Amino acid sequence: TGISSPYEAPEDPEIRIDTTQLTAEEAAEQIIDYLSRS
């Protein structure tokens, strides 16, 4: 849980953004769409 601890990916995230396939603008649009539906 500290800054030196390894990253642990969530087991069941609410949203997944594939940044290898999307531009920053497309990723932001997906996040905004998700938030507006929540």
N, C-alpha and C. Protein backbone atom coordinates (compact mmCIF):
# COMPACT_ATOMS: atom_id res chain seq x y z
N THR A 1 0.81 -1.20 0.00
CA THR A 1 0.00 0.00 0.00
C THR A 1 0.85 1.26 0.00
N GLY A 2 2.13 1.11 0.14
CA GLY A 2 3.02 2.28 0.11
C GLY A 2 3.51 2.56 -1.29
N ILE A 3 4.27 3.62 -1.43
CA ILE A 3 4.77 4.03 -2.74
C ILE A 3 5.74 3.00 -3.33
N SER A 4 6.39 2.23 -2.47
CA SER A 4 7.33 1.23 -2.97
C SER A 4 6.68 -0.13 -3.21
N SER A 5 5.40 -0.26 -2.91
CA SER A 5 4.69 -1.52 -3.13
C SER A 5 4.42 -1.72 -4.62
N PRO A 6 4.42 -2.96 -5.07
CA PRO A 6 4.13 -3.21 -6.49
C PRO A 6 2.67 -2.91 -6.81
N TYR A 7 2.42 -2.54 -8.06
CA TYR A 7 1.05 -2.26 -8.51
C TYR A 7 0.26 -3.55 -8.55
N GLU A 8 -0.95 -3.52 -8.02
CA GLU A 8 -1.85 -4.66 -8.07
C GLU A 8 -3.08 -4.25 -8.86
N ALA A 9 -3.24 -4.83 -10.04
CA ALA A 9 -4.40 -4.50 -10.88
C ALA A 9 -5.68 -4.98 -10.21
N PRO A 10 -6.76 -4.22 -10.34
CA PRO A 10 -8.03 -4.66 -9.75
C PRO A 10 -8.53 -5.93 -10.43
N GLU A 11 -9.18 -6.79 -9.66
CA GLU A 11 -9.68 -8.04 -10.20
C GLU A 11 -10.92 -7.83 -11.07
N ASP A 12 -11.75 -6.87 -10.72
CA ASP A 12 -13.00 -6.65 -11.44
C ASP A 12 -13.25 -5.14 -11.60
N PRO A 13 -12.52 -4.47 -12.50
CA PRO A 13 -12.68 -3.02 -12.64
C PRO A 13 -14.04 -2.67 -13.24
N GLU A 14 -14.53 -1.49 -12.91
CA GLU A 14 -15.82 -1.02 -13.44
C GLU A 14 -15.72 -0.63 -14.91
N ILE A 15 -14.54 -0.23 -15.35
CA ILE A 15 -14.34 0.18 -16.74
C ILE A 15 -12.92 -0.21 -17.15
N ARG A 16 -12.78 -0.60 -18.40
CA ARG A 16 -11.46 -0.91 -18.96
C ARG A 16 -11.25 -0.04 -20.19
N ILE A 17 -10.10 0.60 -20.24
CA ILE A 17 -9.75 1.47 -21.36
C ILE A 17 -8.49 0.89 -22.01
N ASP A 18 -8.61 0.45 -23.25
CA ASP A 18 -7.46 -0.13 -23.96
C ASP A 18 -6.67 1.00 -24.61
N THR A 19 -5.68 1.48 -23.90
CA THR A 19 -4.89 2.62 -24.39
C THR A 19 -3.93 2.23 -25.51
N THR A 20 -3.82 0.94 -25.80
CA THR A 20 -2.99 0.53 -26.93
C THR A 20 -3.75 0.65 -28.25
N GLN A 21 -5.08 0.74 -28.17
CA GLN A 21 -5.91 0.79 -29.37
C GLN A 21 -6.63 2.12 -29.57
N LEU A 22 -6.64 2.97 -28.54
CA LEU A 22 -7.40 4.22 -28.60
C LEU A 22 -6.47 5.42 -28.50
N THR A 23 -6.90 6.51 -29.11
CA THR A 23 -6.19 7.77 -28.90
C THR A 23 -6.58 8.31 -27.53
N ALA A 24 -5.88 9.30 -27.06
CA ALA A 24 -6.21 9.91 -25.77
C ALA A 24 -7.62 10.49 -25.81
N GLU A 25 -7.98 11.08 -26.93
CA GLU A 25 -9.32 11.67 -27.06
C GLU A 25 -10.40 10.59 -27.01
N GLU A 26 -10.18 9.46 -27.68
CA GLU A 26 -11.15 8.36 -27.67
C GLU A 26 -11.28 7.76 -26.27
N ALA A 27 -10.15 7.61 -25.60
CA ALA A 27 -10.18 7.08 -24.23
C ALA A 27 -10.95 8.02 -23.31
N ALA A 28 -10.69 9.31 -23.44
CA ALA A 28 -11.39 10.30 -22.62
C ALA A 28 -12.89 10.26 -22.90
N GLU A 29 -13.26 10.10 -24.16
CA GLU A 29 -14.68 10.03 -24.52
C GLU A 29 -15.35 8.81 -23.88
N GLN A 30 -14.66 7.68 -23.88
CA GLN A 30 -15.21 6.48 -23.24
C GLN A 30 -15.41 6.70 -21.75
N ILE A 31 -14.45 7.35 -21.11
CA ILE A 31 -14.56 7.61 -19.67
C ILE A 31 -15.72 8.56 -19.38
N ILE A 32 -15.83 9.61 -20.17
CA ILE A 32 -16.92 10.57 -19.98
C ILE A 32 -18.27 9.90 -20.21
N ASP A 33 -18.37 9.08 -21.25
CA ASP A 33 -19.62 8.35 -21.51
C ASP A 33 -19.97 7.45 -20.33
N TYR A 34 -18.98 6.75 -19.80
CA TYR A 34 -19.22 5.87 -18.67
C TYR A 34 -19.71 6.66 -17.45
N LEU A 35 -19.04 7.77 -17.17
CA LEU A 35 -19.41 8.58 -16.01
C LEU A 35 -20.80 9.19 -16.16
N SER A 36 -21.17 9.55 -17.38
CA SER A 36 -22.49 10.15 -17.57
C SER A 36 -23.62 9.13 -17.41
N ARG A 37 -23.31 7.85 -17.59
CA ARG A 37 -24.32 6.79 -17.41
C ARG A 37 -24.40 6.32 -15.97
N SER A 38 -23.41 6.64 -15.18
CA SER A 38 -23.36 6.17 -13.78
C SER A 38 -24.13 7.08 -12.85
